[in-house]
Amino acid sequence: MEDLKESKSAPLTRQHPALRIVREEHERLAAVVHGMRYLVRKIGEKAVKPDLKVFRAMLLYISEYPERLHHPKEDIALFAPLRAHTHAHDATLAELEAQHANGEAMVRRLEHLLLRYEFGGEPEFAPFAEQVEFYADFYFRHMRTEEEIIFPALREHFSAGDWENADRAFCANEDPLAKTDLKADFERLFTVIVSITPAPLGLGPALQ
């Protein structure tokens, strides 16, 4: 998966637990986004209409996982402490935080366009496909910025205490408000996505 390879740097075994977990979460999110883009491209090439529950599951994953589990921990446990050490990356951090907020609105637009495609048929496919491509490019750039610019800055500036706090935050799966194991829920959803996504990306039947 080319987009995923582009976002990787050091091996996971040499990462702090917090960075290892962020990278693993990036890989899962990238896999879902890449799968969504792959499907719309195949639909465009073959003029077929797959079971739209695949898109619904993917959109549920990317709308819920980043907003409830991933982005809040990045903002609080990584970005805020880095600002306390240096202002060298303030502009990049501000842009990443704005992207965290904008990403939710972009996913809502994807959901709206998917609904239009589902009920409007082929004439509504092009806007949905265009938004999928736009979102995929946006999200892959976002993850690369975090891994290629912010990760090295964290390694340079974080103290042992900062790493301890970050590791604790990212190793905790529980939503303190809902008292549920969010990560386990999203892992189950990811398994469902893999099982229904058409081959070769998933375990479902190939597009016909």
Protein backbone atom coordinates (compact mmCIF):
# COMPACT_ATOMS: atom_id res chain seq x y z
CA MET A 1 0.00 0.00 0.00
CA GLU A 2 1.92 2.96 -1.33
CA ASP A 3 0.33 5.67 0.83
CA LEU A 4 1.00 3.73 4.00
CA LYS A 5 4.64 3.15 3.08
CA GLU A 6 5.12 6.84 2.51
CA SER A 7 4.04 7.64 6.08
CA LYS A 8 6.42 5.23 7.85
CA SER A 9 9.81 6.07 9.28
CA ALA A 10 11.63 4.31 12.13
CA PRO A 11 10.74 0.69 12.99
CA LEU A 12 8.00 0.30 15.58
CA THR A 13 10.31 -1.53 17.98
CA ARG A 14 12.43 1.63 18.42
CA GLN A 15 9.47 3.88 19.20
CA HIS A 16 8.16 5.05 22.54
CA PRO A 17 4.85 3.28 23.32
CA ALA A 18 2.88 6.44 22.58
CA LEU A 19 4.46 6.89 19.15
CA ARG A 20 4.14 3.19 18.37
CA ILE A 21 0.43 3.32 19.17
CA VAL A 22 -0.10 6.50 17.14
CA ARG A 23 1.65 4.90 14.18
CA GLU A 24 -0.42 1.72 14.50
CA GLU A 25 -3.60 3.79 14.61
CA HIS A 26 -2.41 5.73 11.57
CA GLU A 27 -1.88 2.47 9.71
CA ARG A 28 -5.40 1.27 10.44
CA LEU A 29 -6.94 4.59 9.50
CA ALA A 30 -4.84 4.69 6.34
CA ALA A 31 -5.92 1.16 5.44
CA VAL A 32 -9.59 2.14 5.69
CA VAL A 33 -9.13 5.38 3.73
CA HIS A 34 -7.04 3.61 1.08
CA GLY A 35 -9.71 0.90 0.82
CA MET A 36 -12.43 3.50 0.31
CA ARG A 37 -10.44 5.22 -2.43
CA TYR A 38 -9.66 1.87 -4.09
CA LEU A 39 -13.36 0.99 -4.20
CA VAL A 40 -14.49 4.27 -5.75
CA ARG A 41 -11.79 3.98 -8.39
CA LYS A 42 -12.92 0.44 -9.23
CA ILE A 43 -16.53 1.57 -9.43
CA GLY A 44 -15.46 4.34 -11.81
CA GLU A 45 -13.51 1.91 -13.99
CA LYS A 46 -16.09 -0.88 -14.14
CA ALA A 47 -19.35 1.00 -13.64
CA VAL A 48 -20.42 -1.43 -10.89
CA LYS A 49 -22.23 -0.66 -7.66
CA PRO A 50 -20.96 -2.68 -4.70
CA ASP A 51 -22.84 -3.20 -1.47
CA LEU A 52 -22.80 0.27 0.09
CA LYS A 53 -22.61 -1.17 3.61
CA VAL A 54 -18.84 -1.33 2.99
CA PHE A 55 -18.70 2.45 2.59
CA ARG A 56 -21.00 2.95 5.57
CA ALA A 57 -18.74 0.85 7.80
CA MET A 58 -15.64 2.68 6.58
CA LEU A 59 -17.20 6.08 7.18
CA LEU A 60 -18.35 5.05 10.64
CA TYR A 61 -14.79 4.04 11.46
CA ILE A 62 -13.10 7.20 10.21
CA SER A 63 -15.76 9.46 11.71
CA GLU A 64 -15.70 7.89 15.18
CA TYR A 65 -12.16 6.59 15.74
CA PRO A 66 -10.17 9.79 15.07
CA GLU A 67 -12.63 12.07 16.88
CA ARG A 68 -13.26 10.01 20.02
CA LEU A 69 -10.00 8.16 20.57
CA HIS A 70 -7.11 9.35 18.40
CA HIS A 71 -7.12 13.12 17.88
CA PRO A 72 -8.00 14.19 21.45
CA LYS A 73 -5.03 12.26 22.81
CA GLU A 74 -2.70 13.75 20.21
CA ASP A 75 -3.85 17.27 21.06
CA ILE A 76 -3.56 16.83 24.83
CA ALA A 77 -0.72 14.35 25.36
CA LEU A 78 1.58 15.27 22.45
CA PHE A 79 0.89 18.70 20.98
CA ALA A 80 0.28 20.67 24.19
CA PRO A 81 3.45 19.45 25.98
CA LEU A 82 5.53 20.09 22.85
CA ARG A 83 4.33 23.70 22.81
CA ALA A 84 5.44 24.03 26.42
CA HIS A 85 9.01 23.14 25.38
CA THR A 86 9.38 25.01 22.10
CA HIS A 87 7.54 27.43 19.82
CA ALA A 88 9.44 26.24 16.75
CA HIS A 89 6.51 24.10 15.61
CA ASP A 90 3.60 26.28 16.68
CA ALA A 91 2.42 26.91 13.12
CA THR A 92 2.51 23.20 12.23
CA LEU A 93 0.71 22.24 15.44
CA ALA A 94 -1.97 24.86 14.82
CA GLU A 95 -2.48 23.55 11.30
CA LEU A 96 -2.71 19.94 12.53
CA GLU A 97 -5.25 20.89 15.18
CA ALA A 98 -7.29 22.77 12.58
CA GLN A 99 -7.17 19.68 10.39
CA HIS A 100 -8.43 17.57 13.30
CA ALA A 101 -11.46 19.86 13.47
CA ASN A 102 -11.90 20.15 9.68
CA GLY A 103 -11.62 16.40 9.19
CA GLU A 104 -14.89 15.82 11.01
CA ALA A 105 -16.73 18.23 8.70
CA MET A 106 -15.18 16.54 5.67
CA VAL A 107 -16.39 13.13 6.84
CA ARG A 108 -19.89 14.53 7.37
CA ARG A 109 -19.80 15.71 3.74
CA LEU A 110 -18.70 12.25 2.65
CA GLU A 111 -21.64 10.74 4.53
CA HIS A 112 -24.02 13.19 2.87
CA LEU A 113 -22.65 12.48 -0.61
CA LEU A 114 -22.82 8.73 0.00
CA LEU A 115 -26.47 9.10 0.90
CA ARG A 116 -27.10 11.07 -2.28
CA TYR A 117 -25.31 8.37 -4.30
CA GLU A 118 -27.30 5.62 -2.61
CA PHE A 119 -30.64 7.21 -3.46
CA GLY A 120 -29.73 9.13 -6.61
CA GLY A 121 -27.74 6.42 -8.35
CA GLU A 122 -25.04 6.85 -10.96
CA PRO A 123 -25.48 10.63 -11.51
CA GLU A 124 -24.49 11.17 -7.86
CA PHE A 125 -21.37 8.98 -7.96
CA ALA A 126 -18.89 11.56 -9.29
CA PRO A 127 -19.25 14.06 -6.38
CA PHE A 128 -18.86 11.23 -3.87
CA ALA A 129 -15.78 9.85 -5.63
CA GLU A 130 -14.25 13.33 -5.87
CA GLN A 131 -14.72 13.90 -2.14
CA VAL A 132 -13.19 10.50 -1.33
CA GLU A 133 -10.09 11.40 -3.34
CA PHE A 134 -9.90 14.82 -1.68
CA TYR A 135 -10.26 13.35 1.80
CA ALA A 136 -7.69 10.61 1.15
CA ASP A 137 -5.09 13.12 -0.05
CA PHE A 138 -5.86 15.36 2.93
CA TYR A 139 -5.56 12.59 5.50
CA PHE A 140 -2.38 11.03 4.12
CA ARG A 141 -0.70 14.46 4.14
CA HIS A 142 -1.90 14.99 7.70
CA MET A 143 -0.41 11.73 8.94
CA ARG A 144 2.88 12.28 7.13
CA THR A 145 3.23 15.73 8.73
CA GLU A 146 2.72 14.25 12.17
CA GLU A 147 5.18 11.41 11.63
CA GLU A 148 7.87 13.28 9.69
CA ILE A 149 7.84 16.64 11.52
CA ILE A 150 6.18 16.27 14.92
CA PHE A 151 7.54 12.84 15.91
CA PRO A 152 11.19 13.99 15.58
CA ALA A 153 10.36 17.16 17.52
CA LEU A 154 8.84 15.09 20.31
CA ARG A 155 11.95 12.91 20.50
CA GLU A 156 14.11 16.02 20.70
CA HIS A 157 12.17 17.95 23.33
CA PHE A 158 10.14 15.55 25.48
CA SER A 159 11.32 14.78 29.00
CA ALA A 160 10.99 11.41 30.69
CA GLY A 161 7.90 12.74 32.45
CA ASP A 162 6.35 13.86 29.17
CA TRP A 163 6.85 10.40 27.70
CA GLU A 164 5.41 8.77 30.79
CA ASN A 165 2.26 10.89 30.53
CA ALA A 166 1.94 10.32 26.78
CA ASP A 167 2.48 6.59 27.09
CA ARG A 168 -0.14 6.38 29.81
CA ALA A 169 -2.65 8.32 27.72
CA PHE A 170 -2.22 6.23 24.59
CA CYS A 171 -2.08 2.90 26.38
CA ALA A 172 -5.43 3.59 28.07
CA ASN A 173 -8.31 2.33 25.94
CA GLU A 174 -11.18 3.46 28.10
CA ASP A 175 -13.41 6.40 27.34
CA PRO A 176 -13.59 8.21 30.70
CA LEU A 177 -17.10 9.52 29.96
CA ALA A 178 -18.75 6.40 28.57
CA LYS A 179 -16.69 3.91 30.63
CA THR A 180 -16.32 1.66 27.61
CA ASP A 181 -13.30 0.12 25.95
CA LEU A 182 -13.37 2.20 22.79
CA LYS A 183 -10.30 0.67 21.21
CA ALA A 184 -11.77 -2.82 21.44
CA ASP A 185 -14.99 -1.56 19.84
CA PHE A 186 -13.08 -0.03 16.95
CA GLU A 187 -10.97 -3.17 16.53
CA ARG A 188 -14.17 -5.16 16.11
CA LEU A 189 -15.44 -2.63 13.57
CA PHE A 190 -12.12 -2.82 11.70
CA THR A 191 -12.49 -6.62 11.56
CA VAL A 192 -15.98 -6.21 10.08
CA ILE A 193 -14.62 -3.80 7.47
CA VAL A 194 -11.92 -6.28 6.45
CA SER A 195 -14.46 -9.09 6.21
CA ILE A 196 -16.84 -7.20 3.91
CA THR A 197 -14.34 -5.24 1.80
CA PRO A 198 -13.97 -6.86 -1.63
CA ALA A 199 -10.75 -8.66 -2.52
CA PRO A 200 -7.87 -7.98 -2.96
CA LEU A 201 -7.97 -5.43 -0.11
CA GLY A 202 -10.37 -7.39 2.08
CA LEU A 203 -11.86 -10.82 2.53
CA GLY A 204 -15.15 -10.17 0.75
CA PRO A 205 -15.99 -11.31 -2.78
CA ALA A 206 -14.21 -9.51 -5.59
CA LEU A 207 -16.06 -6.79 -7.48
CA GLN A 208 -18.01 -8.17 -10.40
